[in-house]
Structures are given as structure tokens and as C-alpha cells.
Amino acid sequence: MLRESNDRLLGKKTRYKLGSIFQYQNEYLLTAFSRFDEKNRAYLSMQDFIGCLLEFWNEIDIIYGGSTIVIPLLGSGITRFRGYENVSEQELLELLL
């Protein structure tokens, strides 16, 4: 699902639903994973993260066709979780599973 964000001053203006997937070169799956604040910094709330994962798994189910999919631990890098700044990698893994 695409939307244009005309009020955004920096960055691209096309917005995708969190968790939506774009298949790149039949080998890579790219997913919309965060929102951006007024300073163009990515962030997520825990509710956004869970909604993103639900949409992600639905789209993976449509795309994967029985193929092996390798997924990094989503959110374990510089993701800014609003309200859950100290979420552990173990908690992220449990949510992902």
C-alpha cells in the first residue's frame, strides 16, 4: 500500500504500510520497517513493531513458496523503540518467533 507524504521536507515522499514487502531481483525481500520523525530519524513503537511483524509474516506466506528465508533479528540494530528503549535481543527474538 503506497501513500504520498507531501508535508515531508526531507527524504522520499512515498510511504509504505509497515511490514509490506518488496521483492528485489528475485533474491532479496525488503520490508517497510519504521516511521520517521521531523528530523528524519527512524523510530517504532512496540505496537508498530508487532503490527509490522504481523503484516510481514502475512506477506512472507504469500511470497516464499516453500523457499528457505533467512531473516535478521529485526530491530536489533539502531531501531529507536519509543517507550521500550531497553528491549533486549531475547525479547525481540521471542516477538519475531
PDB file of N, CA and C in Angstrom:
ATOM      1  N   MET A   1       0.840  -1.168   0.000  1.00  0.00           N
ATOM      2  CA  MET A   1       0.000   0.000   0.000  1.00  0.00           C
ATOM      3  C   MET A   1       0.891   1.240   0.000  1.00  0.00           C
ATOM      4  N   LEU A   2       0.723   2.085  -0.966  1.00  0.00           N
ATOM      5  CA  LEU A   2       1.541   3.284  -1.121  1.00  0.00           C
ATOM      6  C   LEU A   2       0.722   4.527  -0.818  1.00  0.00           C
ATOM      7  N   ARG A   3       1.371   5.490  -0.201  1.00  0.00           N
ATOM      8  CA  ARG A   3       0.778   6.813   0.006  1.00  0.00           C
ATOM      9  C   ARG A   3       1.862   7.842  -0.198  1.00  0.00           C
ATOM     10  N   GLU A   4       1.471   8.990  -0.664  1.00  0.00           N
ATOM     11  CA  GLU A   4       2.410  10.097  -0.819  1.00  0.00           C
ATOM     12  C   GLU A   4       2.327  10.991   0.413  1.00  0.00           C
ATOM     13  N   SER A   5       3.468  11.432   0.897  1.00  0.00           N
ATOM     14  CA  SER A   5       3.543  12.309   2.053  1.00  0.00           C
ATOM     15  C   SER A   5       4.076  13.660   1.594  1.00  0.00           C
ATOM     16  N   ASN A   6       3.188  14.561   1.219  1.00  0.00           N
ATOM     17  CA  ASN A   6       3.597  15.852   0.658  1.00  0.00           C
ATOM     18  C   ASN A   6       4.105  16.840   1.698  1.00  0.00           C
ATOM     19  N   ASP A   7       3.830  16.598   2.984  1.00  0.00           N
ATOM     20  CA  ASP A   7       4.276  17.520   4.022  1.00  0.00           C
ATOM     21  C   ASP A   7       5.710  17.239   4.480  1.00  0.00           C
ATOM     22  N   ARG A   8       6.332  16.237   3.947  1.00  0.00           N
ATOM     23  CA  ARG A   8       7.687  15.858   4.335  1.00  0.00           C
ATOM     24  C   ARG A   8       8.701  16.715   3.589  1.00  0.00           C
ATOM     25  N   LEU A   9       9.616  17.362   4.323  1.00  0.00           N
ATOM     26  CA  LEU A   9      10.602  18.246   3.712  1.00  0.00           C
ATOM     27  C   LEU A   9      11.851  17.506   3.248  1.00  0.00           C
ATOM     28  N   LEU A  10      12.286  16.496   4.013  1.00  0.00           N
ATOM     29  CA  LEU A  10      13.490  15.737   3.686  1.00  0.00           C
ATOM     30  C   LEU A  10      13.135  14.295   3.358  1.00  0.00           C
ATOM     31  N   GLY A  11      13.951  13.674   2.547  1.00  0.00           N
ATOM     32  CA  GLY A  11      13.768  12.255   2.249  1.00  0.00           C
ATOM     33  C   GLY A  11      12.706  12.016   1.188  1.00  0.00           C
ATOM     34  N   LYS A  12      12.475  10.749   0.923  1.00  0.00           N
ATOM     35  CA  LYS A  12      11.496  10.367  -0.090  1.00  0.00           C
ATOM     36  C   LYS A  12      10.088  10.580   0.435  1.00  0.00           C
ATOM     37  N   LYS A  13       9.154  10.773  -0.451  1.00  0.00           N
ATOM     38  CA  LYS A  13       7.795  11.096  -0.074  1.00  0.00           C
ATOM     39  C   LYS A  13       6.843   9.901  -0.162  1.00  0.00           C
ATOM     40  N   THR A  14       7.281   8.789  -0.732  1.00  0.00           N
ATOM     41  CA  THR A  14       6.433   7.606  -0.840  1.00  0.00           C
ATOM     42  C   THR A  14       6.439   6.859   0.485  1.00  0.00           C
ATOM     43  N   ARG A  15       5.252   6.541   0.988  1.00  0.00           N
ATOM     44  CA  ARG A  15       5.115   5.824   2.254  1.00  0.00           C
ATOM     45  C   ARG A  15       4.526   4.450   1.984  1.00  0.00           C
ATOM     46  N   TYR A  16       5.044   3.448   2.660  1.00  0.00           N
ATOM     47  CA  TYR A  16       4.564   2.080   2.542  1.00  0.00           C
ATOM     48  C   TYR A  16       4.001   1.629   3.887  1.00  0.00           C
ATOM     49  N   LYS A  17       3.049   0.742   3.850  1.00  0.00           N
ATOM     50  CA  LYS A  17       2.496   0.180   5.083  1.00  0.00           C
ATOM     51  C   LYS A  17       3.596  -0.596   5.800  1.00  0.00           C
ATOM     52  N   LEU A  18       3.710  -0.425   7.116  1.00  0.00           N
ATOM     53  CA  LEU A  18       4.717  -1.152   7.881  1.00  0.00           C
ATOM     54  C   LEU A  18       4.544  -2.653   7.671  1.00  0.00           C
ATOM     55  N   GLY A  19       5.646  -3.333   7.402  1.00  0.00           N
ATOM     56  CA  GLY A  19       5.621  -4.773   7.187  1.00  0.00           C
ATOM     57  C   GLY A  19       5.415  -5.191   5.743  1.00  0.00           C
ATOM     58  N   SER A  20       5.065  -4.244   4.866  1.00  0.00           N
ATOM     59  CA  SER A  20       4.892  -4.608   3.458  1.00  0.00           C
ATOM     60  C   SER A  20       6.248  -4.970   2.863  1.00  0.00           C
ATOM     61  N   ILE A  21       6.228  -5.820   1.850  1.00  0.00           N
ATOM     62  CA  ILE A  21       7.467  -6.371   1.290  1.00  0.00           C
ATOM     63  C   ILE A  21       7.588  -6.046  -0.192  1.00  0.00           C
ATOM     64  N   PHE A  22       8.815  -5.741  -0.600  1.00  0.00           N
ATOM     65  CA  PHE A  22       9.173  -5.557  -1.999  1.00  0.00           C
ATOM     66  C   PHE A  22      10.217  -6.606  -2.335  1.00  0.00           C
ATOM     67  N   GLN A  23       9.973  -7.395  -3.368  1.00  0.00           N
ATOM     68  CA  GLN A  23      10.937  -8.408  -3.780  1.00  0.00           C
ATOM     69  C   GLN A  23      11.907  -7.792  -4.775  1.00  0.00           C
ATOM     70  N   TYR A  24      13.202  -7.860  -4.463  1.00  0.00           N
ATOM     71  CA  TYR A  24      14.255  -7.251  -5.276  1.00  0.00           C
ATOM     72  C   TYR A  24      15.101  -8.341  -5.920  1.00  0.00           C
ATOM     73  N   GLN A  25      15.173  -8.368  -7.232  1.00  0.00           N
ATOM     74  CA  GLN A  25      15.989  -9.306  -8.011  1.00  0.00           C
ATOM     75  C   GLN A  25      15.722 -10.772  -7.664  1.00  0.00           C
ATOM     76  N   ASN A  26      14.511 -11.115  -7.322  1.00  0.00           N
ATOM     77  CA  ASN A  26      14.114 -12.493  -7.005  1.00  0.00           C
ATOM     78  C   ASN A  26      14.965 -13.156  -5.926  1.00  0.00           C
ATOM     79  N   GLU A  27      15.771 -12.383  -5.212  1.00  0.00           N
ATOM     80  CA  GLU A  27      16.640 -12.955  -4.196  1.00  0.00           C
ATOM     81  C   GLU A  27      16.490 -12.268  -2.841  1.00  0.00           C
ATOM     82  N   TYR A  28      16.126 -10.986  -2.852  1.00  0.00           N
ATOM     83  CA  TYR A  28      16.050 -10.219  -1.623  1.00  0.00           C
ATOM     84  C   TYR A  28      14.627  -9.736  -1.383  1.00  0.00           C
ATOM     85  N   LEU A  29      14.229  -9.751  -0.134  1.00  0.00           N
ATOM     86  CA  LEU A  29      12.940  -9.196   0.266  1.00  0.00           C
ATOM     87  C   LEU A  29      13.210  -7.986   1.150  1.00  0.00           C
ATOM     88  N   LEU A  30      12.700  -6.831   0.741  1.00  0.00           N
ATOM     89  CA  LEU A  30      12.881  -5.595   1.505  1.00  0.00           C
ATOM     90  C   LEU A  30      11.559  -5.274   2.179  1.00  0.00           C
ATOM     91  N   THR A  31      11.598  -4.889   3.436  1.00  0.00           N
ATOM     92  CA  THR A  31      10.359  -4.597   4.149  1.00  0.00           C
ATOM     93  C   THR A  31      10.354  -3.189   4.718  1.00  0.00           C
ATOM     94  N   ALA A  32       9.182  -2.579   4.712  1.00  0.00           N
ATOM     95  CA  ALA A  32       8.994  -1.264   5.341  1.00  0.00           C
ATOM     96  C   ALA A  32       8.981  -1.507   6.845  1.00  0.00           C
ATOM     97  N   PHE A  33       9.902  -0.882   7.551  1.00  0.00           N
ATOM     98  CA  PHE A  33      10.105  -1.262   8.953  1.00  0.00           C
ATOM     99  C   PHE A  33       9.974  -0.128   9.959  1.00  0.00           C
ATOM    100  N   SER A  34       9.938   1.113   9.547  1.00  0.00           N
ATOM    101  CA  SER A  34       9.899   2.168  10.562  1.00  0.00           C
ATOM    102  C   SER A  34       9.147   3.391  10.076  1.00  0.00           C
ATOM    103  N   ARG A  35       8.857   4.239  11.022  1.00  0.00           N
ATOM    104  CA  ARG A  35       8.309   5.564  10.737  1.00  0.00           C
ATOM    105  C   ARG A  35       9.473   6.548  10.864  1.00  0.00           C
ATOM    106  N   PHE A  36       9.260   7.801  10.450  1.00  0.00           N
ATOM    107  CA  PHE A  36      10.315   8.802  10.548  1.00  0.00           C
ATOM    108  C   PHE A  36       9.780  10.047  11.243  1.00  0.00           C
ATOM    109  N   ASP A  37      10.612  10.636  12.104  1.00  0.00           N
ATOM    110  CA  ASP A  37      10.204  11.853  12.796  1.00  0.00           C
ATOM    111  C   ASP A  37      10.576  13.080  11.963  1.00  0.00           C
ATOM    112  N   GLU A  38      10.360  14.269  12.532  1.00  0.00           N
ATOM    113  CA  GLU A  38      10.603  15.517  11.804  1.00  0.00           C
ATOM    114  C   GLU A  38      12.078  15.740  11.475  1.00  0.00           C
ATOM    115  N   LYS A  39      12.989  15.035  12.151  1.00  0.00           N
ATOM    116  CA  LYS A  39      14.420  15.131  11.867  1.00  0.00           C
ATOM    117  C   LYS A  39      14.904  13.959  11.012  1.00  0.00           C
ATOM    118  N   ASN A  40      13.950  13.236  10.410  1.00  0.00           N
ATOM    119  CA  ASN A  40      14.237  12.123   9.512  1.00  0.00           C
ATOM    120  C   ASN A  40      14.921  10.949  10.217  1.00  0.00           C
ATOM    121  N   ARG A  41      14.641  10.780  11.516  1.00  0.00           N
ATOM    122  CA  ARG A  41      15.169   9.645  12.280  1.00  0.00           C
ATOM    123  C   ARG A  41      14.105   8.558  12.337  1.00  0.00           C
ATOM    124  N   ALA A  42      14.523   7.321  12.082  1.00  0.00           N
ATOM    125  CA  ALA A  42      13.588   6.193  12.115  1.00  0.00           C
ATOM    126  C   ALA A  42      13.231   5.846  13.556  1.00  0.00           C
ATOM    127  N   TYR A  43      11.985   5.457  13.772  1.00  0.00           N
ATOM    128  CA  TYR A  43      11.540   5.026  15.097  1.00  0.00           C
ATOM    129  C   TYR A  43      10.350   4.083  14.948  1.00  0.00           C
ATOM    130  N   LEU A  44      10.064   3.338  15.992  1.00  0.00           N
ATOM    131  CA  LEU A  44       8.898   2.455  16.069  1.00  0.00           C
ATOM    132  C   LEU A  44       8.375   2.452  17.489  1.00  0.00           C
ATOM    133  N   SER A  45       7.080   2.319  17.632  1.00  0.00           N
ATOM    134  CA  SER A  45       6.512   1.999  18.942  1.00  0.00           C
ATOM    135  C   SER A  45       6.425   0.481  18.993  1.00  0.00           C
ATOM    136  N   MET A  46       6.254  -0.092  20.147  1.00  0.00           N
ATOM    137  CA  MET A  46       6.138  -1.545  20.239  1.00  0.00           C
ATOM    138  C   MET A  46       4.881  -2.016  19.507  1.00  0.00           C
ATOM    139  N   GLN A  47       3.821  -1.232  19.544  1.00  0.00           N
ATOM    140  CA  GLN A  47       2.597  -1.572  18.816  1.00  0.00           C
ATOM    141  C   GLN A  47       2.865  -1.590  17.307  1.00  0.00           C
ATOM    142  N   ASP A  48       3.627  -0.604  16.808  1.00  0.00           N
ATOM    143  CA  ASP A  48       4.024  -0.577  15.395  1.00  0.00           C
ATOM    144  C   ASP A  48       4.841  -1.818  15.046  1.00  0.00           C
ATOM    145  N   PHE A  49       5.780  -2.191  15.927  1.00  0.00           N
ATOM    146  CA  PHE A  49       6.654  -3.337  15.690  1.00  0.00           C
ATOM    147  C   PHE A  49       5.839  -4.619  15.553  1.00  0.00           C
ATOM    148  N   ILE A  50       4.890  -4.822  16.456  1.00  0.00           N
ATOM    149  CA  ILE A  50       4.066  -6.028  16.414  1.00  0.00           C
ATOM    150  C   ILE A  50       3.186  -6.032  15.172  1.00  0.00           C
ATOM    151  N   GLY A  51       2.578  -4.884  14.831  1.00  0.00           N
ATOM    152  CA  GLY A  51       1.782  -4.779  13.607  1.00  0.00           C
ATOM    153  C   GLY A  51       2.622  -5.029  12.370  1.00  0.00           C
ATOM    154  N   CYS A  52       3.852  -4.509  12.386  1.00  0.00           N
ATOM    155  CA  CYS A  52       4.790  -4.711  11.279  1.00  0.00           C
ATOM    156  C   CYS A  52       5.082  -6.200  11.103  1.00  0.00           C
ATOM    157  N   LEU A  53       5.340  -6.890  12.201  1.00  0.00           N
ATOM    158  CA  LEU A  53       5.624  -8.328  12.119  1.00  0.00           C
ATOM    159  C   LEU A  53       4.428  -9.116  11.596  1.00  0.00           C
ATOM    160  N   LEU A  54       3.225  -8.764  12.030  1.00  0.00           N
ATOM    161  CA  LEU A  54       2.032  -9.468  11.550  1.00  0.00           C
ATOM    162  C   LEU A  54       1.873  -9.310  10.040  1.00  0.00           C
ATOM    163  N   GLU A  55       2.036  -8.096   9.546  1.00  0.00           N
ATOM    164  CA  GLU A  55       1.943  -7.845   8.104  1.00  0.00           C
ATOM    165  C   GLU A  55       3.089  -8.544   7.370  1.00  0.00           C
ATOM    166  N   PHE A  56       4.283  -8.489   7.942  1.00  0.00           N
ATOM    167  CA  PHE A  56       5.463  -9.127   7.366  1.00  0.00           C
ATOM    168  C   PHE A  56       5.237 -10.624   7.179  1.00  0.00           C
ATOM    169  N   TRP A  57       4.762 -11.308   8.225  1.00  0.00           N
ATOM    170  CA  TRP A  57       4.538 -12.755   8.136  1.00  0.00           C
ATOM    171  C   TRP A  57       3.442 -13.079   7.121  1.00  0.00           C
ATOM    172  N   ASN A  58       2.404 -12.256   7.029  1.00  0.00           N
ATOM    173  CA  ASN A  58       1.362 -12.476   6.020  1.00  0.00           C
ATOM    174  C   ASN A  58       1.944 -12.384   4.612  1.00  0.00           C
ATOM    175  N   GLU A  59       2.782 -11.387   4.373  1.00  0.00           N
ATOM    176  CA  GLU A  59       3.374 -11.223   3.047  1.00  0.00           C
ATOM    177  C   GLU A  59       4.416 -12.302   2.749  1.00  0.00           C
ATOM    178  N   ILE A  60       5.184 -12.711   3.749  1.00  0.00           N
ATOM    179  CA  ILE A  60       6.146 -13.809   3.570  1.00  0.00           C
ATOM    180  C   ILE A  60       5.397 -15.072   3.150  1.00  0.00           C
ATOM    181  N   ASP A  61       4.264 -15.332   3.783  1.00  0.00           N
ATOM    182  CA  ASP A  61       3.457 -16.514   3.473  1.00  0.00           C
ATOM    183  C   ASP A  61       3.029 -16.518   2.011  1.00  0.00           C
ATOM    184  N   ILE A  62       2.752 -15.349   1.447  1.00  0.00           N
ATOM    185  CA  ILE A  62       2.346 -15.235   0.044  1.00  0.00           C
ATOM    186  C   ILE A  62       3.544 -15.414  -0.895  1.00  0.00           C
ATOM    187  N   ILE A  63       4.707 -14.867  -0.536  1.00  0.00           N
ATOM    188  CA  ILE A  63       5.862 -14.798  -1.430  1.00  0.00           C
ATOM    189  C   ILE A  63       6.750 -16.040  -1.401  1.00  0.00           C
ATOM    190  N   TYR A  64       6.974 -16.620  -0.226  1.00  0.00           N
ATOM    191  CA  TYR A  64       8.084 -17.561  -0.095  1.00  0.00           C
ATOM    192  C   TYR A  64       7.922 -18.846  -0.894  1.00  0.00           C
ATOM    193  N   GLY A  65       6.736 -19.360  -1.101  1.00  0.00           N
ATOM    194  CA  GLY A  65       6.521 -20.542  -1.929  1.00  0.00           C
ATOM    195  C   GLY A  65       7.351 -21.747  -1.526  1.00  0.00           C
ATOM    196  N   GLY A  66       7.567 -21.947  -0.255  1.00  0.00           N
ATOM    197  CA  GLY A  66       8.324 -23.101   0.219  1.00  0.00           C
ATOM    198  C   GLY A  66       9.827 -22.908   0.229  1.00  0.00           C
ATOM    199  N   SER A  67      10.307 -21.766  -0.228  1.00  0.00           N
ATOM    200  CA  SER A  67      11.747 -21.496  -0.240  1.00  0.00           C
ATOM    201  C   SER A  67      12.248 -21.181   1.167  1.00  0.00           C
ATOM    202  N   THR A  68      13.537 -21.389   1.370  1.00  0.00           N
ATOM    203  CA  THR A  68      14.152 -21.027   2.642  1.00  0.00           C
ATOM    204  C   THR A  68      14.286 -19.516   2.716  1.00  0.00           C
ATOM    205  N   ILE A  69      13.902 -18.932   3.844  1.00  0.00           N
ATOM    206  CA  ILE A  69      14.006 -17.494   4.069  1.00  0.00           C
ATOM    207  C   ILE A  69      14.906 -17.286   5.287  1.00  0.00           C
ATOM    208  N   VAL A  70      15.905 -16.441   5.157  1.00  0.00           N
ATOM    209  CA  VAL A  70      16.784 -16.092   6.274  1.00  0.00           C
ATOM    210  C   VAL A  70      16.435 -14.678   6.693  1.00  0.00           C
ATOM    211  N   ILE A  71      16.072 -14.507   7.966  1.00  0.00           N
ATOM    212  CA  ILE A  71      15.621 -13.213   8.469  1.00  0.00           C
ATOM    213  C   ILE A  71      16.571 -12.750   9.574  1.00  0.00           C
ATOM    214  N   PRO A  72      17.085 -11.524   9.456  1.00  0.00           N
ATOM    215  CA  PRO A  72      17.906 -10.993  10.556  1.00  0.00           C
ATOM    216  C   PRO A  72      17.015 -10.701  11.758  1.00  0.00           C
ATOM    217  N   LEU A  73      17.611 -10.509  12.899  1.00  0.00           N
ATOM    218  CA  LEU A  73      16.848 -10.166  14.096  1.00  0.00           C
ATOM    219  C   LEU A  73      16.380  -8.722  13.959  1.00  0.00           C
ATOM    220  N   LEU A  74      15.169  -8.543  13.469  1.00  0.00           N
ATOM    221  CA  LEU A  74      14.623  -7.212  13.190  1.00  0.00           C
ATOM    222  C   LEU A  74      14.576  -6.362  14.453  1.00  0.00           C
ATOM    223  N   GLY A  75      15.117  -5.172  14.364  1.00  0.00           N
ATOM    224  CA  GLY A  75      15.071  -4.237  15.480  1.00  0.00           C
ATOM    225  C   GLY A  75      16.274  -4.303  16.389  1.00  0.00           C
ATOM    226  N   SER A  76      17.244  -5.163  16.093  1.00  0.00           N
ATOM    227  CA  SER A  76      18.387  -5.325  16.994  1.00  0.00           C
ATOM    228  C   SER A  76      19.514  -4.341  16.713  1.00  0.00           C
ATOM    229  N   GLY A  77      19.369  -3.507  15.689  1.00  0.00           N
ATOM    230  CA  GLY A  77      20.400  -2.528  15.344  1.00  0.00           C
ATOM    231  C   GLY A  77      20.138  -1.201  16.019  1.00  0.00           C
ATOM    232  N   ILE A  78      19.945  -0.156  15.217  1.00  0.00           N
ATOM    233  CA  ILE A  78      19.759   1.179  15.772  1.00  0.00           C
ATOM    234  C   ILE A  78      18.288   1.571  15.896  1.00  0.00           C
ATOM    235  N   THR A  79      17.400   0.597  15.791  1.00  0.00           N
ATOM    236  CA  THR A  79      15.975   0.905  15.866  1.00  0.00           C
ATOM    237  C   THR A  79      15.659   1.647  17.158  1.00  0.00           C
ATOM    238  N   ARG A  80      14.941   2.745  17.028  1.00  0.00           N
ATOM    239  CA  ARG A  80      14.522   3.530  18.193  1.00  0.00           C
ATOM    240  C   ARG A  80      13.114   3.090  18.577  1.00  0.00           C
ATOM    241  N   PHE A  81      12.997   2.323  19.656  1.00  0.00           N
ATOM    242  CA  PHE A  81      11.687   1.909  20.147  1.00  0.00           C
ATOM    243  C   PHE A  81      11.195   2.957  21.128  1.00  0.00           C
ATOM    244  N   ARG A  82      10.138   3.644  20.777  1.00  0.00           N
ATOM    245  CA  ARG A  82       9.590   4.660  21.682  1.00  0.00           C
ATOM    246  C   ARG A  82       8.821   3.971  22.802  1.00  0.00           C
ATOM    247  N   GLY A  83       9.222   4.270  24.022  1.00  0.00           N
ATOM    248  CA  GLY A  83       8.584   3.678  25.191  1.00  0.00           C
ATOM    249  C   GLY A  83       9.197   2.352  25.609  1.00  0.00           C
ATOM    250  N   TYR A  84      10.059   1.771  24.792  1.00  0.00           N
ATOM    251  CA  TYR A  84      10.711   0.490  25.093  1.00  0.00           C
ATOM    252  C   TYR A  84      12.174   0.565  24.689  1.00  0.00           C
ATOM    253  N   GLU A  85      12.873   1.564  25.158  1.00  0.00           N
ATOM    254  CA  GLU A  85      14.246   1.811  24.737  1.00  0.00           C
ATOM    255  C   GLU A  85      15.206   0.686  25.108  1.00  0.00           C
ATOM    256  N   ASN A  86      14.906  -0.076  26.151  1.00  0.00           N
ATOM    257  CA  ASN A  86      15.833  -1.103  26.626  1.00  0.00           C
ATOM    258  C   ASN A  86      15.361  -2.518  26.320  1.00  0.00           C
ATOM    259  N   VAL A  87      14.649  -2.694  25.209  1.00  0.00           N
ATOM    260  CA  VAL A  87      14.186  -4.032  24.830  1.00  0.00           C
ATOM    261  C   VAL A  87      15.409  -4.883  24.479  1.00  0.00           C
ATOM    262  N   SER A  88      15.443  -6.118  24.985  1.00  0.00           N
ATOM    263  CA  SER A  88      16.607  -6.984  24.769  1.00  0.00           C
ATOM    264  C   SER A  88      16.484  -7.762  23.464  1.00  0.00           C
ATOM    265  N   GLU A  89      17.607  -8.286  22.996  1.00  0.00           N
ATOM    266  CA  GLU A  89      17.585  -9.110  21.788  1.00  0.00           C
ATOM    267  C   GLU A  89      16.753 -10.366  22.009  1.00  0.00           C
ATOM    268  N   GLN A  90      16.752 -10.909  23.229  1.00  0.00           N
ATOM    269  CA  GLN A  90      15.939 -12.080  23.547  1.00  0.00           C
ATOM    270  C   GLN A  90      14.448 -11.757  23.386  1.00  0.00           C
ATOM    271  N   GLU A  91      14.032 -10.591  23.867  1.00  0.00           N
ATOM    272  CA  GLU A  91      12.625 -10.182  23.715  1.00  0.00           C
ATOM    273  C   GLU A  91      12.259  -9.990  22.251  1.00  0.00           C
ATOM    274  N   LEU A  92      13.151  -9.400  21.462  1.00  0.00           N
ATOM    275  CA  LEU A  92      12.912  -9.234  20.029  1.00  0.00           C
ATOM    276  C   LEU A  92      12.782 -10.578  19.337  1.00  0.00           C
ATOM    277  N   LEU A  93      13.656 -11.516  19.694  1.00  0.00           N
ATOM    278  CA  LEU A  93      13.605 -12.843  19.107  1.00  0.00           C
ATOM    279  C   LEU A  93      12.289 -13.535  19.438  1.00  0.00           C
ATOM    280  N   GLU A  94      11.848 -13.413  20.682  1.00  0.00           N
ATOM    281  CA  GLU A  94      10.577 -14.023  21.077  1.00  0.00           C
ATOM    282  C   GLU A  94       9.405 -13.422  20.317  1.00  0.00           C
ATOM    283  N   LEU A  95       9.432 -12.117  20.098  1.00  0.00           N
ATOM    284  CA  LEU A  95       8.368 -11.475  19.316  1.00  0.00           C
ATOM    285  C   LEU A  95       8.392 -11.915  17.860  1.00  0.00           C
ATOM    286  N   LEU A  96       9.585 -12.041  17.311  1.00  0.00           N
ATOM    287  CA  LEU A  96       9.743 -12.460  15.917  1.00  0.00           C
ATOM    288  C   LEU A  96       9.220 -13.880  15.698  1.00  0.00           C
ATOM    289  N   LEU A  97       9.503 -14.745  16.657  1.00  0.00           N
ATOM    290  CA  LEU A  97       9.045 -16.140  16.546  1.00  0.00           C
ATOM    291  C   LEU A  97       7.550 -16.232  16.762  1.00  0.00           C
TER     292      LEU A  97
END
